[in-house]
Amino acid sequence: MKVASVYLSVVLIWSTTPLFIRMSVDSLDYIQGSAMRMWLSLVLCFVMLRLFAVPFRFTAAALYRYFIGALAVSGAMLCVYWSAQSLPSGLIAVVWGLSPLVVSLYSLFLVPSTRLNMLQLASMALAVFGLYTIFAQGISLGGHLGLALLVLLLGVNFHSVSSVILQRVQIFNPEDSTHPLEQTTGALLLSAPVYGLMWWMFSGPLPDVISSKSLIAIAYLSTFGSVAGFIGFYYLLNKLSAASVALITVITPVLALLLGAYVADEILQSGTWFGALLIVVALMVYHHKALVLFFKRLLITLDVKKA
């Protein structure tokens, strides 16, 4: 398996995920769309556990990790799906791209020896200004859009807190580490009843007719968006530096914006485009070292081929 092809696959999967999330709620409400995706993903994960002979444990340490992971699988994803009812998919990808910055802020308090330099702090300030621009545009177009952005940001925070706590556990208790597939399966398993409860309390029976758009989107999100994307991501972490993998969060918002505009005919106001541009620039500044290293390696590769 070539690293370049896996890298491109993960970029495409992450770029198209927001668009397919919007498609999944075409004929379903946000709870039904997210629950069906997660339950199907759970079944696929158990099949893969058996296929690859990965052990699944129910120790106290493992259950704690599953619970922390469930904060992202249930809390974060429910926020994303609720927001997808109102927000364009490209904008969802841009705001979700802020995750590395939010993770860094939480790491300052939860992970020892974490430091941020002045350039990283400046990139965060620029991202905040970009968010402000988007919020101002959203509120001017309707209060529900501003609320959707707030809920989406709450989802980003759920995801970031989950990631940082899992990193902290890995630092202090490395002996209790879990296989990535086991971790994902456990988080999905603990999230499954949450989605069932949400469905019972706030949703209702499935519609008489479920559109093909919703069914295709759920199938894609369950297989590629959840399982294949997860496998590819951890494969890259084993083959490349974390900085190189982190560049995916710079590329995906741009592609998602273009896909939303040209594939789904999503229309963004000028203020929203400007705010999204500021956030993408902020991400590039934040990952500037990785970008420089990436282009240096690219130039070296091109020179070798010419020779």
Protein backbone atom coordinates (compact mmCIF):
# COMPACT_ATOMS: atom_id res chain seq x y z
CA MET A 1 0.00 0.00 0.00
CA LYS A 2 1.57 3.27 -1.11
CA VAL A 3 1.64 6.08 1.44
CA ALA A 4 0.82 8.72 -1.17
CA SER A 5 -2.36 6.94 -2.29
CA VAL A 6 -3.51 6.45 1.33
CA TYR A 7 -2.79 10.12 2.09
CA LEU A 8 -4.85 11.22 -0.91
CA SER A 9 -7.65 8.84 0.09
CA VAL A 10 -7.86 10.24 3.63
CA VAL A 11 -7.86 13.80 2.29
CA LEU A 12 -10.74 12.97 -0.08
CA ILE A 13 -12.70 11.11 2.60
CA TRP A 14 -12.37 13.93 5.14
CA SER A 15 -13.19 16.54 2.48
CA THR A 16 -16.37 14.78 1.40
CA THR A 17 -17.60 13.78 4.87
CA PRO A 18 -19.38 17.11 5.65
CA LEU A 19 -21.13 16.99 2.26
CA PHE A 20 -22.37 13.43 2.87
CA ILE A 21 -23.49 14.36 6.39
CA ARG A 22 -25.73 17.03 4.84
CA MET A 23 -26.99 14.48 2.30
CA SER A 24 -27.81 11.95 5.04
CA VAL A 25 -30.37 14.31 6.61
CA ASP A 26 -32.11 14.81 3.26
CA SER A 27 -35.08 12.65 4.30
CA LEU A 28 -34.10 11.84 7.91
CA ASP A 29 -33.75 14.02 10.96
CA TYR A 30 -30.29 14.56 12.42
CA ILE A 31 -30.72 11.92 15.15
CA GLN A 32 -31.87 9.22 12.74
CA GLY A 33 -29.10 10.01 10.25
CA SER A 34 -26.32 9.98 12.84
CA ALA A 35 -27.66 6.95 14.75
CA MET A 36 -27.96 4.78 11.64
CA ARG A 37 -24.41 5.70 10.63
CA MET A 38 -22.91 4.92 14.04
CA TRP A 39 -24.80 1.65 14.53
CA LEU A 40 -23.73 0.41 11.10
CA SER A 41 -20.14 1.51 11.81
CA LEU A 42 -20.23 -0.46 15.08
CA VAL A 43 -21.26 -3.63 13.25
CA LEU A 44 -18.45 -3.14 10.72
CA CYS A 45 -15.92 -2.57 13.51
CA PHE A 46 -16.88 -5.81 15.27
CA VAL A 47 -16.48 -7.65 11.96
CA MET A 48 -13.03 -6.12 11.53
CA LEU A 49 -12.04 -7.00 15.10
CA ARG A 50 -12.80 -10.62 14.30
CA LEU A 51 -11.19 -10.43 10.86
CA PHE A 52 -7.90 -9.00 12.13
CA ALA A 53 -7.96 -10.89 15.45
CA VAL A 54 -7.77 -7.68 17.51
CA PRO A 55 -8.70 -8.32 21.18
CA PHE A 56 -11.56 -6.37 22.73
CA ARG A 57 -11.24 -5.87 26.49
CA PHE A 58 -13.63 -4.84 29.23
CA THR A 59 -11.05 -3.83 31.84
CA ALA A 60 -11.56 -0.67 33.90
CA ALA A 61 -8.75 1.12 32.02
CA ALA A 62 -10.16 0.15 28.63
CA LEU A 63 -13.70 1.17 29.59
CA TYR A 64 -12.39 4.57 30.71
CA ARG A 65 -10.76 5.06 27.30
CA TYR A 66 -13.95 3.99 25.53
CA PHE A 67 -15.93 6.50 27.59
CA ILE A 68 -13.59 9.37 26.71
CA GLY A 69 -13.76 8.37 23.05
CA ALA A 70 -17.55 8.32 23.24
CA LEU A 71 -17.51 12.05 24.01
CA ALA A 72 -16.43 12.57 20.41
CA VAL A 73 -18.50 9.80 18.84
CA SER A 74 -21.77 10.85 20.46
CA GLY A 75 -21.40 14.42 21.75
CA ALA A 76 -19.36 15.86 18.89
CA MET A 77 -21.16 14.02 16.09
CA LEU A 78 -24.63 14.92 17.34
CA CYS A 79 -23.58 18.57 17.31
CA VAL A 80 -22.24 18.25 13.75
CA TYR A 81 -25.38 16.54 12.48
CA TRP A 82 -27.66 19.09 14.12
CA SER A 83 -25.65 21.93 12.59
CA ALA A 84 -25.68 20.25 9.17
CA GLN A 85 -29.41 20.93 8.94
CA SER A 86 -28.63 24.66 8.53
CA LEU A 87 -24.95 25.12 7.64
CA PRO A 88 -23.27 24.50 4.25
CA SER A 89 -20.94 21.50 4.23
CA GLY A 90 -17.92 23.62 3.28
CA LEU A 91 -18.42 25.88 6.27
CA ILE A 92 -18.72 22.84 8.55
CA ALA A 93 -15.35 21.62 7.28
CA VAL A 94 -13.73 25.02 7.83
CA VAL A 95 -14.93 25.32 11.43
CA TRP A 96 -14.03 21.67 12.11
CA GLY A 97 -10.56 22.44 10.79
CA LEU A 98 -10.04 24.50 13.93
CA SER A 99 -9.72 21.28 15.94
CA PRO A 100 -5.87 21.30 16.04
CA LEU A 101 -5.91 24.83 17.47
CA VAL A 102 -8.51 23.96 20.10
CA VAL A 103 -6.61 20.78 20.97
CA SER A 104 -3.49 22.89 21.59
CA LEU A 105 -5.37 25.15 23.99
CA TYR A 106 -6.71 22.23 26.02
CA SER A 107 -3.27 20.62 25.98
CA LEU A 108 -1.85 23.66 27.75
CA PHE A 109 -3.89 22.71 30.80
CA LEU A 110 -4.05 18.93 30.53
CA VAL A 111 -0.80 17.75 28.91
CA PRO A 112 2.51 18.47 30.65
CA SER A 113 5.25 20.44 28.87
CA THR A 114 2.88 21.79 26.19
CA ARG A 115 4.02 25.19 24.91
CA LEU A 116 2.74 27.60 22.28
CA ASN A 117 4.99 30.06 20.50
CA MET A 118 4.03 33.58 19.45
CA LEU A 119 3.32 32.56 15.84
CA GLN A 120 0.90 29.86 16.98
CA LEU A 121 -0.83 32.33 19.29
CA ALA A 122 -1.07 34.81 16.40
CA SER A 123 -2.64 32.11 14.21
CA MET A 124 -5.24 31.45 16.92
CA ALA A 125 -6.07 35.16 17.11
CA LEU A 126 -6.50 35.24 13.33
CA ALA A 127 -8.76 32.18 13.48
CA VAL A 128 -10.90 33.84 16.17
CA PHE A 129 -11.27 36.91 13.95
CA GLY A 130 -12.27 34.66 11.07
CA LEU A 131 -14.88 33.00 13.29
CA TYR A 132 -16.16 36.41 14.34
CA THR A 133 -16.56 37.40 10.69
CA ILE A 134 -18.51 34.21 9.96
CA PHE A 135 -20.69 34.61 13.05
CA ALA A 136 -21.48 38.22 12.16
CA GLN A 137 -22.51 37.13 8.66
CA GLY A 138 -24.58 34.25 10.01
CA ILE A 139 -26.43 36.39 12.53
CA SER A 140 -27.21 39.00 9.87
CA LEU A 141 -28.74 36.26 7.69
CA GLY A 142 -30.74 34.71 10.51
CA GLY A 143 -30.36 33.89 14.19
CA HIS A 144 -30.66 30.14 13.53
CA LEU A 145 -27.40 30.19 11.57
CA GLY A 146 -25.56 31.79 14.48
CA LEU A 147 -26.97 29.13 16.82
CA ALA A 148 -25.92 26.37 14.40
CA LEU A 149 -22.36 27.75 14.42
CA LEU A 150 -22.32 27.76 18.22
CA VAL A 151 -23.50 24.14 18.35
CA LEU A 152 -20.86 23.17 15.78
CA LEU A 153 -18.18 24.85 17.91
CA LEU A 154 -19.47 22.89 20.90
CA GLY A 155 -18.91 19.73 18.85
CA VAL A 156 -15.34 20.83 18.06
CA ASN A 157 -14.75 21.22 21.79
CA PHE A 158 -16.19 17.77 22.58
CA HIS A 159 -13.86 16.26 19.98
CA SER A 160 -10.83 18.22 21.19
CA VAL A 161 -11.34 17.44 24.89
CA SER A 162 -11.72 13.76 24.05
CA SER A 163 -8.50 13.77 22.02
CA VAL A 164 -6.47 15.58 24.68
CA ILE A 165 -7.65 13.39 27.56
CA LEU A 166 -6.83 10.27 25.55
CA GLN A 167 -3.38 11.74 24.87
CA ARG A 168 -2.93 12.45 28.57
CA VAL A 169 -3.90 8.87 29.46
CA GLN A 170 -1.40 7.60 26.90
CA ILE A 171 1.37 9.71 28.49
CA PHE A 172 0.72 8.66 32.10
CA ASN A 173 -0.51 5.10 31.51
CA PRO A 174 1.13 3.80 28.31
CA GLU A 175 0.80 0.23 29.53
CA ASP A 176 -3.00 0.51 29.20
CA SER A 177 -2.91 1.56 25.54
CA THR A 178 -5.55 0.14 23.21
CA HIS A 179 -5.45 -0.77 19.53
CA PRO A 180 -7.01 2.02 17.42
CA LEU A 181 -9.69 -0.36 16.10
CA GLU A 182 -10.47 -1.51 19.65
CA GLN A 183 -10.68 2.11 20.82
CA THR A 184 -13.06 3.07 18.03
CA THR A 185 -15.23 0.00 18.61
CA GLY A 186 -15.45 0.68 22.34
CA ALA A 187 -16.37 4.34 21.80
CA LEU A 188 -19.06 3.33 19.30
CA LEU A 189 -20.36 0.62 21.67
CA LEU A 190 -20.81 3.09 24.55
CA SER A 191 -22.34 5.65 22.18
CA ALA A 192 -24.89 3.22 20.72
CA PRO A 193 -27.36 3.45 23.65
CA VAL A 194 -26.95 7.25 23.72
CA TYR A 195 -28.20 7.42 20.14
CA GLY A 196 -31.03 5.03 21.02
CA LEU A 197 -32.08 7.23 23.95
CA MET A 198 -31.88 10.38 21.82
CA TRP A 199 -34.02 8.72 19.15
CA TRP A 200 -36.63 7.67 21.72
CA MET A 201 -36.77 11.11 23.39
CA PHE A 202 -36.44 13.56 20.51
CA SER A 203 -37.09 11.71 17.26
CA GLY A 204 -39.81 9.43 15.96
CA PRO A 205 -40.50 6.62 13.52
CA LEU A 206 -38.61 6.50 10.26
CA PRO A 207 -40.34 8.22 7.33
CA ASP A 208 -42.38 6.04 4.97
CA VAL A 209 -39.92 6.79 2.20
CA ILE A 210 -36.19 7.25 2.79
CA SER A 211 -34.53 8.98 -0.13
CA SER A 212 -31.75 7.26 -2.03
CA LYS A 213 -29.60 10.29 -1.23
CA SER A 214 -29.88 9.59 2.52
CA LEU A 215 -29.23 5.86 2.11
CA ILE A 216 -26.17 6.37 -0.09
CA ALA A 217 -24.80 8.98 2.32
CA ILE A 218 -25.24 6.75 5.38
CA ALA A 219 -23.60 3.81 3.59
CA TYR A 220 -20.66 6.01 2.55
CA LEU A 221 -20.24 7.55 6.00
CA SER A 222 -20.37 4.18 7.74
CA THR A 223 -17.84 2.47 5.50
CA PHE A 224 -15.53 5.19 4.20
CA GLY A 225 -16.17 8.12 6.54
CA SER A 226 -15.85 6.05 9.71
CA VAL A 227 -14.01 2.78 9.08
CA ALA A 228 -11.80 3.35 6.01
CA GLY A 229 -10.94 6.90 7.05
CA PHE A 230 -9.98 5.70 10.50
CA ILE A 231 -7.75 2.89 9.17
CA GLY A 232 -6.05 5.22 6.70
CA PHE A 233 -5.45 7.90 9.31
CA TYR A 234 -3.71 5.55 11.73
CA TYR A 235 -1.77 3.94 8.88
CA LEU A 236 -0.39 7.38 8.01
CA LEU A 237 0.50 8.07 11.64
CA ASN A 238 2.66 4.93 11.56
CA LYS A 239 4.36 5.91 8.28
CA LEU A 240 4.67 9.72 8.46
CA SER A 241 5.40 12.37 11.04
CA ALA A 242 2.48 13.78 13.02
CA ALA A 243 3.18 17.18 11.43
CA SER A 244 2.76 15.76 7.91
CA VAL A 245 -0.50 14.06 8.86
CA ALA A 246 -1.72 17.29 10.48
CA LEU A 247 -1.55 19.03 7.08
CA ILE A 248 -4.71 17.12 6.16
CA THR A 249 -6.65 19.59 8.32
CA VAL A 250 -5.32 22.43 6.16
CA ILE A 251 -6.22 20.81 2.85
CA THR A 252 -9.68 19.42 3.64
CA PRO A 253 -11.47 22.74 4.39
CA VAL A 254 -10.41 24.14 1.01
CA LEU A 255 -11.57 21.05 -0.90
CA ALA A 256 -14.80 20.87 1.11
CA LEU A 257 -15.60 24.51 0.26
CA LEU A 258 -15.03 23.83 -3.44
CA LEU A 259 -17.08 20.62 -3.36
CA GLY A 260 -19.93 22.38 -1.58
CA ALA A 261 -19.94 25.21 -4.10
CA TYR A 262 -19.55 23.22 -7.33
CA VAL A 263 -21.14 19.86 -6.48
CA ALA A 264 -23.94 20.78 -4.06
CA ASP A 265 -24.49 24.36 -5.33
CA GLU A 266 -24.02 25.74 -1.82
CA ILE A 267 -23.96 29.54 -1.72
CA LEU A 268 -21.79 31.36 0.79
CA GLN A 269 -22.01 35.09 1.39
CA SER A 270 -18.93 37.25 0.84
CA GLY A 271 -18.44 37.73 4.59
CA THR A 272 -18.55 33.98 5.13
CA TRP A 273 -15.99 33.38 2.37
CA PHE A 274 -13.72 36.03 3.93
CA GLY A 275 -13.99 34.48 7.39
CA ALA A 276 -13.34 31.01 5.97
CA LEU A 277 -10.26 32.35 4.15
CA LEU A 278 -8.92 33.83 7.40
CA ILE A 279 -9.35 30.48 9.18
CA VAL A 280 -7.57 28.58 6.39
CA VAL A 281 -4.70 31.12 6.50
CA ALA A 282 -4.59 30.73 10.30
CA LEU A 283 -4.29 26.95 9.89
CA MET A 284 -1.46 27.41 7.39
CA VAL A 285 0.37 29.72 9.80
CA TYR A 286 -0.16 27.27 12.64
CA HIS A 287 1.27 24.41 10.56
CA HIS A 288 3.90 26.53 8.80
CA LYS A 289 6.82 24.28 9.81
CA ALA A 290 5.12 21.21 8.44
CA LEU A 291 4.23 23.07 5.24
CA VAL A 292 7.82 24.20 4.70
CA LEU A 293 9.10 20.67 5.30
CA PHE A 294 6.47 19.25 2.94
CA PHE A 295 7.44 21.56 0.07
CA LYS A 296 11.16 20.95 0.65
CA ARG A 297 10.61 17.20 0.35
CA LEU A 298 8.44 17.75 -2.72
CA LEU A 299 11.17 19.81 -4.43
CA ILE A 300 13.78 17.20 -3.56
CA THR A 301 11.57 14.48 -5.03
CA LEU A 302 11.05 16.48 -8.24
CA ASP A 303 14.81 17.13 -8.57
CA VAL A 304 15.54 13.41 -8.15
CA LYS A 305 13.02 12.53 -10.88
CA LYS A 306 14.54 15.11 -13.26
CA ALA A 307 18.01 13.72 -12.65
